[in-house]
Structure formats: C-alpha cells, structure tokens
C-alpha cells in the first residue's frame, strides 16, 4: 500500500536527519510481552516532535501508538490528512472547546479502544528547551483512564533543529528520553498533578 511505502520512507528520513535515538531512563520495555497502554507526554518545540517520538518507539509499540494532532491544520488539503490519518494514524482534535464538542472525546475513544497516545500538554510549540505550563487535558485523560501508564518524554535539540516558523530542518542528532512512568494519585488536585508532570519532563533535561 502507498501508506506503508510513505511510512517506511519517512521513518528512514527522520532517522537520517535527526537520529531520534531512544534512551530509556528505566529498563527498556520487554518486547516479548504485550506493550502496556501508555500516554506519552512531551515538550513541544518543533514540527519534528511527533515524528521523533513516534520513530523512537519500537515498531511493535509504534503500531498501537497514535499521535494527537490539530484538526484545523492536519485536516486541510490532501497531503496533510493522508500523512496524519493513513501514515501516522493520528487522532485529530479540535483545539477549541464548545458547548457541542468535547475536544478530548476522540482521545478518550482511542484510549477506550486500547491505543496509546502521544500528546503535547502545552498545547502549542515553544522556542525554548523547557516546556511551558501544561493545560488540563493530560489530567482529564489520567482521571478517565487511571490504569494507563503516563510516560514523560523529553525531546532534546529539536527546538534548534526545526523551531516554530521554520520549514527546513537543520540536521542535529536528537535523543528521545523516556522517563519513569507516573500516575494520577488519589484525590490529587489538577494543578498539583500538572506541575508534577511538567517536573517529570524537566528532570529528563
């Protein structure tokens, strides 16, 4: 299929340009077992962020891991929806909530189907290496699916390789650091949890 050819080609291109080398702070996942359902949450500074994290995952985990992307950007035209839906199997969401739509509904549906997710809790790209304040989506997902592992990830150098506003990447080796999985604690306040999740990423820098 065309989507498989494009997928393999883009994975190879990402590895060539930025490496996307995984580094597991804890032991690397045991691929002899069924991978645990997870939400990978990471800093967001580049157009390459999704690709770097997705490519860094072992193939068996990548197959059930769906990046979350903005529908208003990736849903327009022909090429972008093809890459988002056919190549990445992304979950497209509305950025703004309304009385008629819950922007988290597609994510909740994907988790209910057993898929893992890649999300950017900041909600937008930043030029800085450190992540900004997190929005509440990660908290609500953790609250709805307490058994799903929450894995902090830090993507280094990508804020310099292809920052917001640029169209061509500067070849820089990126290491994808996977941290210790965490979980929402009983009766933990949203702000406390989001600060703790952000700190988990900062510890990986």
C-alpha atoms as a PDB file:
ATOM      1  CA  UNK A   1       0.000   0.000   0.000  1.00  0.00           C
ATOM      2  CA  UNK A   2       1.081   3.575  -0.664  1.00  0.00           C
ATOM      3  CA  UNK A   3       0.720   4.484   3.016  1.00  0.00           C
ATOM      4  CA  UNK A   4       3.196   1.739   4.024  1.00  0.00           C
ATOM      5  CA  UNK A   5       5.744   2.898   1.452  1.00  0.00           C
ATOM      6  CA  UNK A   6       5.418   6.505   2.631  1.00  0.00           C
ATOM      7  CA  UNK A   7       5.613   5.415   6.287  1.00  0.00           C
ATOM      8  CA  UNK A   8       8.839   3.453   5.803  1.00  0.00           C
ATOM      9  CA  UNK A   9      10.366   6.258   3.735  1.00  0.00           C
ATOM     10  CA  UNK A  10       9.531   8.941   6.298  1.00  0.00           C
ATOM     11  CA  UNK A  11      10.804   6.840   9.202  1.00  0.00           C
ATOM     12  CA  UNK A  12      14.099   6.414   7.349  1.00  0.00           C
ATOM     13  CA  UNK A  13      14.274  10.136   6.581  1.00  0.00           C
ATOM     14  CA  UNK A  14      13.661  11.096  10.213  1.00  0.00           C
ATOM     15  CA  UNK A  15      16.401   8.737  11.400  1.00  0.00           C
ATOM     16  CA  UNK A  16      18.763  10.146   8.799  1.00  0.00           C
ATOM     17  CA  UNK A  17      18.071  13.791   9.683  1.00  0.00           C
ATOM     18  CA  UNK A  18      17.808  13.728  13.479  1.00  0.00           C
ATOM     19  CA  UNK A  19      18.508  10.181  14.625  1.00  0.00           C
ATOM     20  CA  UNK A  20      15.602  10.033  17.089  1.00  0.00           C
ATOM     21  CA  UNK A  21      17.633   7.721  19.315  1.00  0.00           C
ATOM     22  CA  UNK A  22      15.641   6.359  22.289  1.00  0.00           C
ATOM     23  CA  UNK A  23      17.077   6.435  25.782  1.00  0.00           C
ATOM     24  CA  UNK A  24      15.057   4.685  28.463  1.00  0.00           C
ATOM     25  CA  UNK A  25      15.749   6.022  31.949  1.00  0.00           C
ATOM     26  CA  UNK A  26      14.280   2.847  33.391  1.00  0.00           C
ATOM     27  CA  UNK A  27      14.794  -0.537  31.740  1.00  0.00           C
ATOM     28  CA  UNK A  28      13.788  -0.631  28.092  1.00  0.00           C
ATOM     29  CA  UNK A  29      10.385  -2.262  27.519  1.00  0.00           C
ATOM     30  CA  UNK A  30      10.303  -6.043  27.270  1.00  0.00           C
ATOM     31  CA  UNK A  31       9.164  -6.592  23.682  1.00  0.00           C
ATOM     32  CA  UNK A  32       8.417 -10.255  24.398  1.00  0.00           C
ATOM     33  CA  UNK A  33       5.349  -9.070  26.303  1.00  0.00           C
ATOM     34  CA  UNK A  34       2.344  -7.112  25.104  1.00  0.00           C
ATOM     35  CA  UNK A  35       3.290  -3.420  25.412  1.00  0.00           C
ATOM     36  CA  UNK A  36       1.500  -1.560  28.191  1.00  0.00           C
ATOM     37  CA  UNK A  37      -1.025   1.015  27.063  1.00  0.00           C
ATOM     38  CA  UNK A  38       0.553   4.410  27.630  1.00  0.00           C
ATOM     39  CA  UNK A  39       0.167   8.129  27.201  1.00  0.00           C
ATOM     40  CA  UNK A  40       3.500   9.626  26.163  1.00  0.00           C
ATOM     41  CA  UNK A  41       3.554  13.326  27.063  1.00  0.00           C
ATOM     42  CA  UNK A  42       6.399  15.538  25.912  1.00  0.00           C
ATOM     43  CA  UNK A  43       7.716  19.041  25.314  1.00  0.00           C
ATOM     44  CA  UNK A  44       6.718  20.712  22.060  1.00  0.00           C
ATOM     45  CA  UNK A  45       9.141  22.952  20.186  1.00  0.00           C
ATOM     46  CA  UNK A  46       9.297  21.686  16.595  1.00  0.00           C
ATOM     47  CA  UNK A  47       7.369  20.320  13.628  1.00  0.00           C
ATOM     48  CA  UNK A  48       9.514  17.199  14.060  1.00  0.00           C
ATOM     49  CA  UNK A  49       8.420  16.414  17.625  1.00  0.00           C
ATOM     50  CA  UNK A  50       5.717  13.932  16.698  1.00  0.00           C
ATOM     51  CA  UNK A  51       7.962  12.146  14.240  1.00  0.00           C
ATOM     52  CA  UNK A  52      10.917  11.945  16.641  1.00  0.00           C
ATOM     53  CA  UNK A  53       8.948  10.349  19.457  1.00  0.00           C
ATOM     54  CA  UNK A  54       6.928   8.056  17.190  1.00  0.00           C
ATOM     55  CA  UNK A  55      10.034   6.836  15.337  1.00  0.00           C
ATOM     56  CA  UNK A  56      11.926   6.286  18.616  1.00  0.00           C
ATOM     57  CA  UNK A  57       9.358   3.737  19.768  1.00  0.00           C
ATOM     58  CA  UNK A  58       9.984   0.061  18.934  1.00  0.00           C
ATOM     59  CA  UNK A  59       7.912  -0.981  15.919  1.00  0.00           C
ATOM     60  CA  UNK A  60       5.533  -3.169  17.935  1.00  0.00           C
ATOM     61  CA  UNK A  61       4.738  -0.221  20.225  1.00  0.00           C
ATOM     62  CA  UNK A  62       4.621   2.297  17.386  1.00  0.00           C
ATOM     63  CA  UNK A  63       1.914   0.245  15.681  1.00  0.00           C
ATOM     64  CA  UNK A  64      -0.544   0.911  18.543  1.00  0.00           C
ATOM     65  CA  UNK A  65       0.580   4.459  19.381  1.00  0.00           C
ATOM     66  CA  UNK A  66      -1.375   7.344  17.878  1.00  0.00           C
ATOM     67  CA  UNK A  67      -0.103  10.940  17.863  1.00  0.00           C
ATOM     68  CA  UNK A  68      -2.615  13.654  18.698  1.00  0.00           C
ATOM     69  CA  UNK A  69      -2.761  16.475  16.147  1.00  0.00           C
ATOM     70  CA  UNK A  70      -4.783  19.622  15.484  1.00  0.00           C
ATOM     71  CA  UNK A  71      -7.633  19.035  13.051  1.00  0.00           C
ATOM     72  CA  UNK A  72      -7.601  22.613  11.723  1.00  0.00           C
ATOM     73  CA  UNK A  73      -4.017  22.089  10.476  1.00  0.00           C
ATOM     74  CA  UNK A  74      -3.729  18.389   9.631  1.00  0.00           C
ATOM     75  CA  UNK A  75      -7.280  18.052   8.336  1.00  0.00           C
ATOM     76  CA  UNK A  76      -6.874  20.505   5.447  1.00  0.00           C
ATOM     77  CA  UNK A  77      -5.912  19.717   1.866  1.00  0.00           C
ATOM     78  CA  UNK A  78      -4.909  16.292   0.547  1.00  0.00           C
ATOM     79  CA  UNK A  79      -1.334  15.576   1.616  1.00  0.00           C
ATOM     80  CA  UNK A  80      -1.590  16.536   5.289  1.00  0.00           C
ATOM     81  CA  UNK A  81      -4.694  14.407   6.006  1.00  0.00           C
ATOM     82  CA  UNK A  82      -3.077  11.488   4.154  1.00  0.00           C
ATOM     83  CA  UNK A  83       0.057  11.690   6.307  1.00  0.00           C
ATOM     84  CA  UNK A  84      -1.878  12.259   9.527  1.00  0.00           C
ATOM     85  CA  UNK A  85      -4.551   9.598   9.056  1.00  0.00           C
ATOM     86  CA  UNK A  86      -3.027   6.983   6.742  1.00  0.00           C
ATOM     87  CA  UNK A  87       0.648   7.146   7.726  1.00  0.00           C
ATOM     88  CA  UNK A  88       0.619   8.186  11.393  1.00  0.00           C
ATOM     89  CA  UNK A  89      -2.915   7.034  12.275  1.00  0.00           C
ATOM     90  CA  UNK A  90      -3.183  10.263  14.249  1.00  0.00           C
ATOM     91  CA  UNK A  91      -6.112  11.344  16.377  1.00  0.00           C
ATOM     92  CA  UNK A  92      -7.313  14.708  15.080  1.00  0.00           C
ATOM     93  CA  UNK A  93      -8.845  17.069  17.629  1.00  0.00           C
ATOM     94  CA  UNK A  94     -10.473  20.469  17.679  1.00  0.00           C
ATOM     95  CA  UNK A  95      -8.285  22.957  19.514  1.00  0.00           C
ATOM     96  CA  UNK A  96     -11.177  24.912  20.977  1.00  0.00           C
ATOM     97  CA  UNK A  97     -13.908  23.532  23.195  1.00  0.00           C
ATOM     98  CA  UNK A  98     -17.554  24.360  22.522  1.00  0.00           C
ATOM     99  CA  UNK A  99     -20.910  23.590  24.046  1.00  0.00           C
ATOM    100  CA  UNK A 100     -21.441  20.943  21.378  1.00  0.00           C
ATOM    101  CA  UNK A 101     -17.975  19.309  21.233  1.00  0.00           C
ATOM    102  CA  UNK A 102     -15.596  17.960  23.821  1.00  0.00           C
ATOM    103  CA  UNK A 103     -12.092  18.267  22.320  1.00  0.00           C
ATOM    104  CA  UNK A 104     -10.970  15.273  24.384  1.00  0.00           C
ATOM    105  CA  UNK A 105     -13.687  12.963  23.033  1.00  0.00           C
ATOM    106  CA  UNK A 106     -11.533  11.492  20.193  1.00  0.00           C
ATOM    107  CA  UNK A 107      -8.680  10.864  22.652  1.00  0.00           C
ATOM    108  CA  UNK A 108     -10.988   9.144  25.128  1.00  0.00           C
ATOM    109  CA  UNK A 109     -12.349   6.986  22.298  1.00  0.00           C
ATOM    110  CA  UNK A 110      -8.822   5.993  21.216  1.00  0.00           C
ATOM    111  CA  UNK A 111      -7.876   5.041  24.775  1.00  0.00           C
ATOM    112  CA  UNK A 112     -11.101   3.049  25.115  1.00  0.00           C
ATOM    113  CA  UNK A 113     -10.048   1.075  22.019  1.00  0.00           C
ATOM    114  CA  UNK A 114      -6.731   0.180  23.678  1.00  0.00           C
ATOM    115  CA  UNK A 115      -4.477   2.553  21.749  1.00  0.00           C
ATOM    116  CA  UNK A 116      -1.611   4.519  23.255  1.00  0.00           C
ATOM    117  CA  UNK A 117      -1.267   8.259  22.628  1.00  0.00           C
ATOM    118  CA  UNK A 118       1.398  10.904  22.061  1.00  0.00           C
ATOM    119  CA  UNK A 119       0.291  14.273  23.410  1.00  0.00           C
ATOM    120  CA  UNK A 120       1.765  17.730  23.932  1.00  0.00           C
ATOM    121  CA  UNK A 121       0.318  19.083  27.198  1.00  0.00           C
ATOM    122  CA  UNK A 122       1.452  22.642  26.463  1.00  0.00           C
ATOM    123  CA  UNK A 123      -0.940  22.761  23.515  1.00  0.00           C
ATOM    124  CA  UNK A 124       1.406  24.804  21.304  1.00  0.00           C
ATOM    125  CA  UNK A 125       5.044  24.926  20.221  1.00  0.00           C
ATOM    126  CA  UNK A 126       7.652  26.956  22.118  1.00  0.00           C
ATOM    127  CA  UNK A 127      11.100  28.137  21.055  1.00  0.00           C
ATOM    128  CA  UNK A 128      12.567  27.278  24.463  1.00  0.00           C
ATOM    129  CA  UNK A 129      14.075  23.965  25.513  1.00  0.00           C
ATOM    130  CA  UNK A 130      11.941  23.786  28.669  1.00  0.00           C
ATOM    131  CA  UNK A 131       8.199  23.112  28.413  1.00  0.00           C
ATOM    132  CA  UNK A 132       5.705  25.778  29.421  1.00  0.00           C
ATOM    133  CA  UNK A 133       2.713  25.346  31.697  1.00  0.00           C
ATOM    134  CA  UNK A 134       0.536  22.339  30.959  1.00  0.00           C
ATOM    135  CA  UNK A 135      -3.120  22.577  30.029  1.00  0.00           C
ATOM    136  CA  UNK A 136      -5.672  20.334  31.722  1.00  0.00           C
ATOM    137  CA  UNK A 137      -6.089  17.645  29.057  1.00  0.00           C
ATOM    138  CA  UNK A 138      -3.498  15.261  30.493  1.00  0.00           C
ATOM    139  CA  UNK A 139      -5.186  15.417  33.898  1.00  0.00           C
ATOM    140  CA  UNK A 140      -8.608  14.578  32.482  1.00  0.00           C
ATOM    141  CA  UNK A 141      -7.234  11.661  30.456  1.00  0.00           C
ATOM    142  CA  UNK A 142      -5.436  10.294  33.518  1.00  0.00           C
ATOM    143  CA  UNK A 143      -8.601  10.690  35.548  1.00  0.00           C
ATOM    144  CA  UNK A 144     -10.695   8.826  32.966  1.00  0.00           C
ATOM    145  CA  UNK A 145      -8.150   6.008  32.419  1.00  0.00           C
ATOM    146  CA  UNK A 146      -6.204   5.523  35.677  1.00  0.00           C
ATOM    147  CA  UNK A 147      -4.716   2.194  34.524  1.00  0.00           C
ATOM    148  CA  UNK A 148      -2.948   3.746  31.516  1.00  0.00           C
ATOM    149  CA  UNK A 149       0.747   4.472  32.123  1.00  0.00           C
ATOM    150  CA  UNK A 150       1.776   8.131  31.894  1.00  0.00           C
ATOM    151  CA  UNK A 151       5.270   8.318  30.438  1.00  0.00           C
ATOM    152  CA  UNK A 152       7.161  11.646  30.436  1.00  0.00           C
ATOM    153  CA  UNK A 153       9.396  12.175  27.423  1.00  0.00           C
ATOM    154  CA  UNK A 154      11.948  14.850  26.651  1.00  0.00           C
ATOM    155  CA  UNK A 155      12.996  15.653  23.075  1.00  0.00           C
ATOM    156  CA  UNK A 156      16.338  17.437  23.030  1.00  0.00           C
ATOM    157  CA  UNK A 157      17.797  19.735  20.313  1.00  0.00           C
ATOM    158  CA  UNK A 158      14.589  19.899  18.246  1.00  0.00           C
ATOM    159  CA  UNK A 159      13.933  23.475  19.378  1.00  0.00           C
ATOM    160  CA  UNK A 160      17.081  24.273  17.348  1.00  0.00           C
ATOM    161  CA  UNK A 161      16.639  21.747  14.532  1.00  0.00           C
ATOM    162  CA  UNK A 162      13.234  22.879  13.266  1.00  0.00           C
ATOM    163  CA  UNK A 163      11.689  25.528  15.530  1.00  0.00           C
ATOM    164  CA  UNK A 164       8.323  27.173  15.114  1.00  0.00           C
ATOM    165  CA  UNK A 165       8.222  29.207  11.911  1.00  0.00           C
ATOM    166  CA  UNK A 166      10.907  27.241  10.043  1.00  0.00           C
ATOM    167  CA  UNK A 167      10.248  24.919   7.113  1.00  0.00           C
ATOM    168  CA  UNK A 168      13.571  23.120   6.615  1.00  0.00           C
ATOM    169  CA  UNK A 169      15.253  21.133   9.410  1.00  0.00           C
ATOM    170  CA  UNK A 170      18.848  21.639  10.483  1.00  0.00           C
ATOM    171  CA  UNK A 171      20.379  18.152  10.849  1.00  0.00           C
ATOM    172  CA  UNK A 172      21.007  17.726  14.601  1.00  0.00           C
ATOM    173  CA  UNK A 173      21.043  14.450  16.482  1.00  0.00           C
ATOM    174  CA  UNK A 174      18.016  14.175  18.764  1.00  0.00           C
ATOM    175  CA  UNK A 175      17.855  11.871  21.762  1.00  0.00           C
ATOM    176  CA  UNK A 176      14.359  10.871  22.896  1.00  0.00           C
ATOM    177  CA  UNK A 177      14.474  10.384  26.663  1.00  0.00           C
ATOM    178  CA  UNK A 178      11.734   8.237  28.145  1.00  0.00           C
ATOM    179  CA  UNK A 179      11.303   8.810  31.877  1.00  0.00           C
ATOM    180  CA  UNK A 180       9.818   6.855  34.754  1.00  0.00           C
ATOM    181  CA  UNK A 181       6.079   6.212  34.321  1.00  0.00           C
ATOM    182  CA  UNK A 182       3.793   8.085  36.696  1.00  0.00           C
ATOM    183  CA  UNK A 183       0.121   8.002  37.638  1.00  0.00           C
ATOM    184  CA  UNK A 184      -2.541  10.322  38.969  1.00  0.00           C
ATOM    185  CA  UNK A 185      -2.655   9.978  42.749  1.00  0.00           C
ATOM    186  CA  UNK A 186      -5.873   9.608  44.720  1.00  0.00           C
ATOM    187  CA  UNK A 187      -7.567  12.977  45.263  1.00  0.00           C
ATOM    188  CA  UNK A 188      -4.655  14.807  43.618  1.00  0.00           C
ATOM    189  CA  UNK A 189      -5.579  18.348  42.607  1.00  0.00           C
ATOM    190  CA  UNK A 190      -5.320  19.134  38.896  1.00  0.00           C
ATOM    191  CA  UNK A 191      -2.754  21.904  39.298  1.00  0.00           C
ATOM    192  CA  UNK A 192      -0.568  19.767  41.575  1.00  0.00           C
ATOM    193  CA  UNK A 193      -0.671  16.883  39.116  1.00  0.00           C
ATOM    194  CA  UNK A 194       0.131  19.069  36.092  1.00  0.00           C
ATOM    195  CA  UNK A 195       3.066  20.672  37.905  1.00  0.00           C
ATOM    196  CA  UNK A 196       4.340  17.210  38.865  1.00  0.00           C
ATOM    197  CA  UNK A 197       4.004  16.017  35.253  1.00  0.00           C
ATOM    198  CA  UNK A 198       5.935  19.038  33.989  1.00  0.00           C
ATOM    199  CA  UNK A 199       8.641  18.447  36.584  1.00  0.00           C
ATOM    200  CA  UNK A 200       8.946  14.851  35.371  1.00  0.00           C
ATOM    201  CA  UNK A 201       9.946  16.213  31.948  1.00  0.00           C
ATOM    202  CA  UNK A 202      12.290  18.826  33.398  1.00  0.00           C
ATOM    203  CA  UNK A 203      14.177  16.066  35.243  1.00  0.00           C
ATOM    204  CA  UNK A 204      14.990  14.494  31.868  1.00  0.00           C
ATOM    205  CA  UNK A 205      16.788  17.588  30.546  1.00  0.00           C
END
